[in-house]
Amino acid sequence: MADHPVSTRTQVRIDRISPEYWRATLDNPPLNIMGPKMVGELAALIHDIEADDRLKVIVFDSSIPEYFMAHYDVLHDIRESLEVPPGPTGMHPFPDFLARLSRAPIVSICSIRGRATGSGSEIALACDIRFVSREKAVLSHWEVGAGFPPGGGPMARLPRLVGRGRALEILLGADDIDGDLAERYGYVNRSFPDAELDGFVDTFARRIASFDRSAIAVTKRFVDRPSLPDDAELKPSWDAFAELVVRPAAQSRLAALMPLGLQQPGDVEKRLGYYVGPRSDKPTPR
C-alpha cells in the first residue's frame, strides 16, 4: 500500500506520488468506457491541476491491461451525456478538459497499454507526451466507420503530429494502429517493450518533477504557441459529433454492432477496427 494519498474518485483514481508528481489511473472495468461519470471526474481533475501551484507532471494510465480506454459510451443515454453544461472554455466538459489539459502549465504524459480508441486516443493526443507498449498498445479512431466524426479534436491535433495524409488515413480508415506503427507515424513519442514501459515512464516523470516549475511552464508555453490548435478548431468537431451520432444512419451502424458485442468484453471491442469495416467473416466474440 502506498503511503501517499489516493483520491476517492471511483473512475479516475488520483495517486499523489509527491506534491510535484501525480498519476491519474482510468478505472472503469471492464473496458474503461467513458460516460458522464468519468467526464465529471476528469472535469474535477483539471480544476485540481490548474489550482495546484506545486504540481509539475501528471501521468495518465489505466488499471485495465487490455484497455486504456475503449471509447465514449455511445449506447446508453447518449443525448443525456451530450446535453450537459459547458466548461469554462464554452465547450462540453470532455473537450473542455482536453483543451485545458494541453495548455496547463504542467507536463502531461500518457502511458498506454492496451486499446486507446476514440476518446482514449483523444486523451492521449491532448497530453504533451505519449509512450506506449510495443506489444499491447492499440490506438485508433473508429468513429467514421460507425457513421459519425470524432468529437474530441483529433482532426485538429493529428495533422500537426503525423501530417495531413497520415491523419486522414487514421481517421477515415478507422482501423487499428499498433505501437510500432504509431511510433513511426509520430502518433506517439516512443514504443517500448511492455516490460520496460512502466519503469521508463516513472523515471521520466520523476526527472521532470525534479526540475524548476517556472522553467517547465515557460518552455511549454512557447512550444504550445506553434503546435496547439485554438479552441475555435475544437468546438465544431464536438458539435458535429453530437449532431451526427444520433442520426438514423449512425444509430443503424451501432445497432448492427450491438448483438456482436459492442461495449462488452469480447472480440468486437478487441478488434473494433475490423468490425467497423467490410467483413468476409464474423469471428465468434470471445
Protein backbone atom coordinates (compact mmCIF):
# COMPACT_ATOMS: atom_id res chain seq x y z
CA MET A 1 0.00 0.00 0.00
CA ALA A 2 1.34 3.43 -0.97
CA ASP A 3 1.95 5.90 1.83
CA HIS A 4 0.95 8.85 -0.38
CA PRO A 5 -2.69 9.97 -0.64
CA VAL A 6 -5.01 8.40 -3.20
CA SER A 7 -8.24 10.20 -4.14
CA THR A 8 -11.70 8.77 -3.53
CA ARG A 9 -12.76 9.22 -7.17
CA THR A 10 -14.01 5.91 -8.49
CA GLN A 11 -13.36 6.02 -12.27
CA VAL A 12 -10.33 8.34 -12.41
CA ARG A 13 -8.16 7.49 -9.40
CA ILE A 14 -5.58 10.13 -8.47
CA ASP A 15 -2.40 8.93 -6.80
CA ARG A 16 -0.40 11.88 -5.48
CA ILE A 17 3.01 10.25 -5.52
CA SER A 18 4.53 13.56 -4.41
CA PRO A 19 3.36 17.18 -4.43
CA GLU A 20 5.07 17.50 -7.83
CA TYR A 21 4.06 14.19 -9.42
CA TRP A 22 0.55 12.71 -9.77
CA ARG A 23 -0.80 9.65 -11.55
CA ALA A 24 -4.36 9.59 -12.94
CA THR A 25 -5.49 5.99 -13.45
CA LEU A 26 -8.60 5.26 -15.51
CA ASP A 27 -10.54 2.61 -13.60
CA ASN A 28 -13.95 1.74 -15.02
CA PRO A 29 -13.87 -2.03 -15.67
CA PRO A 30 -14.18 -3.95 -17.82
CA LEU A 31 -13.45 -1.64 -20.79
CA ASN A 32 -12.92 1.87 -19.37
CA ILE A 33 -15.91 3.10 -21.35
CA MET A 34 -16.23 6.86 -20.88
CA GLY A 35 -19.64 8.08 -19.74
CA PRO A 36 -20.98 11.08 -17.81
CA LYS A 37 -19.41 9.99 -14.50
CA MET A 38 -15.90 9.72 -15.92
CA VAL A 39 -16.32 13.01 -17.76
CA GLY A 40 -17.34 14.63 -14.47
CA GLU A 41 -14.29 13.22 -12.70
CA LEU A 42 -11.99 14.46 -15.47
CA ALA A 43 -13.60 17.91 -15.18
CA ALA A 44 -12.87 17.89 -11.44
CA LEU A 45 -9.32 16.73 -12.11
CA ILE A 46 -8.47 19.57 -14.49
CA HIS A 47 -9.75 22.03 -11.89
CA ASP A 48 -7.40 20.46 -9.33
CA ILE A 49 -4.47 20.57 -11.78
CA GLU A 50 -4.99 24.25 -12.51
CA ALA A 51 -5.38 25.11 -8.82
CA ASP A 52 -2.21 23.38 -7.59
CA ASP A 53 0.93 25.50 -7.91
CA ARG A 54 3.25 22.68 -6.82
CA LEU A 55 2.31 20.10 -9.43
CA LYS A 56 4.78 19.66 -12.30
CA VAL A 57 3.88 16.38 -14.01
CA ILE A 58 0.90 14.03 -14.28
CA VAL A 59 0.84 10.56 -15.85
CA PHE A 60 -2.37 9.09 -17.27
CA ASP A 61 -2.60 5.29 -17.32
CA SER A 62 -5.17 2.51 -16.88
CA SER A 63 -5.88 -0.16 -14.28
CA ILE A 64 -7.10 -2.49 -17.06
CA PRO A 65 -4.23 -4.12 -19.01
CA GLU A 66 -6.20 -4.62 -22.26
CA TYR A 67 -7.90 -1.20 -22.34
CA PHE A 68 -6.51 2.26 -21.76
CA MET A 69 -9.99 3.35 -22.85
CA ALA A 70 -12.29 1.51 -25.23
CA HIS A 71 -14.16 4.67 -26.36
CA TYR A 72 -17.01 7.01 -25.43
CA ASP A 73 -20.31 5.45 -24.32
CA VAL A 74 -22.41 5.71 -27.47
CA LEU A 75 -25.22 3.39 -26.41
CA HIS A 76 -26.63 4.47 -23.04
CA ASP A 77 -28.49 7.78 -22.73
CA ILE A 78 -26.32 9.42 -25.39
CA ARG A 79 -28.45 12.58 -25.51
CA GLU A 80 -28.24 12.94 -21.73
CA SER A 81 -24.47 12.50 -21.94
CA LEU A 82 -24.19 15.20 -24.59
CA GLU A 83 -26.60 17.74 -23.12
CA VAL A 84 -24.62 18.90 -20.09
CA PRO A 85 -23.48 22.38 -19.04
CA PRO A 86 -20.28 23.52 -20.76
CA GLY A 87 -16.95 24.03 -19.06
CA PRO A 88 -15.06 27.33 -18.79
CA THR A 89 -13.99 27.18 -22.46
CA GLY A 90 -17.63 27.10 -23.54
CA MET A 91 -17.29 23.51 -24.76
CA HIS A 92 -18.80 20.27 -23.48
CA PRO A 93 -16.87 19.18 -20.35
CA PHE A 94 -14.89 16.50 -22.23
CA PRO A 95 -13.34 18.69 -24.98
CA ASP A 96 -13.10 21.41 -22.32
CA PHE A 97 -10.93 19.03 -20.24
CA LEU A 98 -8.79 18.18 -23.28
CA ALA A 99 -8.17 21.81 -24.24
CA ARG A 100 -7.31 22.87 -20.70
CA LEU A 101 -5.05 19.87 -20.11
CA SER A 102 -2.99 20.70 -23.20
CA ARG A 103 -2.47 24.29 -22.01
CA ALA A 104 -1.93 23.56 -18.31
CA PRO A 105 1.48 24.78 -17.03
CA ILE A 106 2.48 21.21 -16.16
CA VAL A 107 3.64 18.23 -18.22
CA SER A 108 1.05 15.57 -19.04
CA ILE A 109 2.26 12.11 -20.04
CA CYS A 110 0.07 9.32 -21.42
CA SER A 111 1.22 5.74 -20.77
CA ILE A 112 -0.76 3.36 -22.98
CA ARG A 113 -1.01 -0.37 -22.51
CA GLY A 114 -3.98 -1.83 -24.35
CA ARG A 115 -6.54 -0.17 -26.58
CA ALA A 116 -6.95 3.61 -26.78
CA THR A 117 -9.82 4.14 -29.18
CA GLY A 118 -11.85 7.27 -29.86
CA SER A 119 -11.92 9.25 -26.63
CA GLY A 120 -8.97 7.20 -25.36
CA SER A 121 -6.90 8.39 -28.30
CA GLU A 122 -8.21 11.92 -27.75
CA ILE A 123 -6.89 11.93 -24.18
CA ALA A 124 -3.55 10.68 -25.46
CA LEU A 125 -3.43 13.40 -28.14
CA ALA A 126 -4.28 16.10 -25.59
CA CYS A 127 -1.37 15.01 -23.39
CA ASP A 128 2.02 16.57 -24.04
CA ILE A 129 3.90 13.27 -24.38
CA ARG A 130 2.78 9.74 -25.27
CA PHE A 131 4.58 6.45 -24.51
CA VAL A 132 3.12 3.04 -25.40
CA SER A 133 3.64 -0.70 -25.01
CA ARG A 134 5.09 -2.12 -28.20
CA GLU A 135 3.25 -5.42 -27.86
CA LYS A 136 -0.02 -4.33 -26.26
CA ALA A 137 -0.88 -0.77 -27.33
CA VAL A 138 -3.56 -0.19 -29.98
CA LEU A 139 -4.61 3.32 -30.99
CA SER A 140 -7.46 4.11 -33.34
CA HIS A 141 -10.40 6.25 -34.30
CA TRP A 142 -13.35 4.04 -35.13
CA GLU A 143 -15.94 6.80 -35.40
CA VAL A 144 -16.19 7.30 -39.17
CA GLY A 145 -16.64 3.55 -39.56
CA ALA A 146 -19.63 3.81 -37.21
CA GLY A 147 -21.21 6.74 -39.06
CA PHE A 148 -20.11 9.85 -37.14
CA PRO A 149 -17.00 12.05 -36.81
CA PRO A 150 -14.67 12.07 -33.79
CA GLY A 151 -15.68 14.70 -31.24
CA GLY A 152 -12.58 15.34 -29.15
CA GLY A 153 -10.50 17.24 -31.68
CA PRO A 154 -8.22 14.66 -33.39
CA MET A 155 -8.83 16.38 -36.74
CA ALA A 156 -7.07 19.43 -35.30
CA ARG A 157 -4.34 17.56 -33.40
CA LEU A 158 -3.34 14.61 -35.58
CA PRO A 159 -2.25 16.56 -38.70
CA ARG A 160 0.12 18.59 -36.52
CA LEU A 161 1.74 15.34 -35.34
CA VAL A 162 1.66 12.97 -38.30
CA GLY A 163 0.89 15.14 -41.33
CA ARG A 164 -2.29 15.50 -43.36
CA GLY A 165 -2.15 12.24 -45.31
CA ARG A 166 -1.49 10.04 -42.32
CA ALA A 167 -4.12 11.85 -40.26
CA LEU A 168 -6.68 11.13 -42.97
CA GLU A 169 -5.52 7.50 -43.14
CA ILE A 170 -6.04 7.11 -39.38
CA LEU A 171 -9.34 8.97 -39.18
CA LEU A 172 -11.02 7.83 -42.41
CA GLY A 173 -9.57 4.33 -42.43
CA ALA A 174 -10.96 3.84 -38.89
CA ASP A 175 -8.57 0.92 -38.39
CA ASP A 176 -6.29 -0.18 -35.55
CA ILE A 177 -2.73 1.17 -35.23
CA ASP A 178 -0.22 -0.86 -33.22
CA GLY A 179 2.51 0.62 -31.03
CA ASP A 180 5.34 0.38 -33.55
CA LEU A 181 3.35 1.93 -36.40
CA ALA A 182 2.10 4.67 -34.07
CA GLU A 183 5.72 5.48 -33.24
CA ARG A 184 6.81 5.51 -36.91
CA TYR A 185 3.93 7.85 -37.79
CA GLY A 186 4.63 10.24 -34.89
CA TYR A 187 1.23 9.44 -33.31
CA VAL A 188 3.21 8.67 -30.11
CA ASN A 189 6.67 9.62 -28.91
CA ARG A 190 8.03 6.13 -28.37
CA SER A 191 7.00 2.50 -28.08
CA PHE A 192 8.73 0.27 -25.53
CA PRO A 193 8.82 -3.45 -24.83
CA ASP A 194 5.90 -3.93 -22.48
CA ALA A 195 8.12 -4.94 -19.56
CA GLU A 196 10.04 -1.66 -19.84
CA LEU A 197 7.13 0.79 -20.23
CA ASP A 198 6.21 1.43 -16.58
CA GLY A 199 9.78 1.83 -15.38
CA PHE A 200 10.68 4.26 -18.14
CA VAL A 201 7.56 6.39 -17.66
CA ASP A 202 8.02 6.60 -13.90
CA THR A 203 11.72 7.51 -14.23
CA PHE A 204 10.94 10.14 -16.87
CA ALA A 205 8.12 11.65 -14.78
CA ARG A 206 10.30 11.81 -11.67
CA ARG A 207 13.04 13.51 -13.71
CA ILE A 208 10.65 16.24 -14.83
CA ALA A 209 9.24 16.54 -11.29
CA SER A 210 12.75 17.38 -10.07
CA PHE A 211 13.06 20.43 -12.35
CA ASP A 212 12.01 24.04 -11.74
CA ARG A 213 8.28 24.57 -12.29
CA SER A 214 8.61 28.03 -13.85
CA ALA A 215 11.16 26.76 -16.37
CA ILE A 216 8.82 23.91 -17.29
CA ALA A 217 5.78 26.17 -17.66
CA VAL A 218 7.51 28.85 -19.73
CA THR A 219 9.18 26.36 -22.05
CA LYS A 220 5.90 24.52 -22.59
CA ARG A 221 4.07 27.79 -23.28
CA PHE A 222 6.47 28.64 -26.10
CA VAL A 223 6.10 25.15 -27.61
CA ASP A 224 2.30 25.42 -27.33
CA ARG A 225 2.12 28.54 -29.49
CA PRO A 226 3.02 26.92 -32.84
CA SER A 227 1.76 23.43 -32.05
CA LEU A 228 -1.63 23.50 -30.27
CA PRO A 229 -4.95 24.08 -32.02
CA ASP A 230 -7.04 27.03 -30.93
CA ASP A 231 -10.28 26.24 -29.10
CA ALA A 232 -12.11 27.53 -32.17
CA GLU A 233 -10.81 24.48 -34.05
CA LEU A 234 -12.03 22.05 -31.38
CA LYS A 235 -15.61 23.07 -30.64
CA PRO A 236 -17.05 22.48 -34.14
CA SER A 237 -15.88 18.86 -34.17
CA TRP A 238 -17.68 18.14 -30.89
CA ASP A 239 -20.81 19.83 -32.22
CA ALA A 240 -20.62 17.70 -35.37
CA PHE A 241 -20.16 14.52 -33.32
CA ALA A 242 -23.16 15.39 -31.13
CA GLU A 243 -25.29 16.06 -34.22
CA LEU A 244 -24.28 13.05 -36.30
CA VAL A 245 -24.05 10.32 -33.64
CA VAL A 246 -27.83 10.47 -33.09
CA ARG A 247 -28.71 10.31 -36.82
CA PRO A 248 -30.50 7.18 -38.02
CA ALA A 249 -27.51 6.28 -40.20
CA ALA A 250 -25.14 6.19 -37.23
CA GLN A 251 -27.64 4.53 -34.93
CA SER A 252 -28.19 1.82 -37.55
CA ARG A 253 -24.46 1.06 -37.70
CA LEU A 254 -24.21 0.99 -33.91
CA ALA A 255 -27.28 -1.24 -33.70
CA ALA A 256 -25.62 -3.72 -36.08
CA LEU A 257 -22.61 -3.95 -33.76
CA MET A 258 -24.61 -4.39 -30.55
CA PRO A 259 -25.58 -8.08 -30.98
CA LEU A 260 -21.96 -8.84 -31.90
CA GLY A 261 -20.78 -7.44 -28.57
CA LEU A 262 -20.25 -3.68 -28.78
CA GLN A 263 -19.34 -2.25 -25.35
CA GLN A 264 -18.97 -5.76 -23.94
CA PRO A 265 -15.77 -7.73 -23.28
CA GLY A 266 -15.03 -9.79 -26.36
CA ASP A 267 -13.77 -9.83 -29.91
CA VAL A 268 -15.65 -6.74 -31.14
CA GLU A 269 -14.00 -4.38 -28.68
CA LYS A 270 -10.63 -6.12 -29.04
CA ARG A 271 -10.70 -5.71 -32.84
CA LEU A 272 -13.01 -2.75 -33.34
CA GLY A 273 -11.20 -1.60 -36.49
CA TYR A 274 -12.00 -4.95 -38.11
CA TYR A 275 -15.67 -4.88 -37.14
CA VAL A 276 -16.48 -1.38 -38.39
CA GLY A 277 -15.13 -2.23 -41.86
CA PRO A 278 -16.31 -4.67 -44.52
CA ARG A 279 -16.02 -8.24 -43.24
CA SER A 280 -15.90 -11.52 -45.13
CA ASP A 281 -16.31 -13.50 -41.92
CA LYS A 282 -17.53 -12.81 -38.41
CA PRO A 283 -15.39 -14.46 -35.72
CA THR A 284 -17.37 -15.55 -32.71
CA PRO A 285 -16.93 -12.98 -29.88
CA ARG A 286 -14.84 -14.37 -27.05
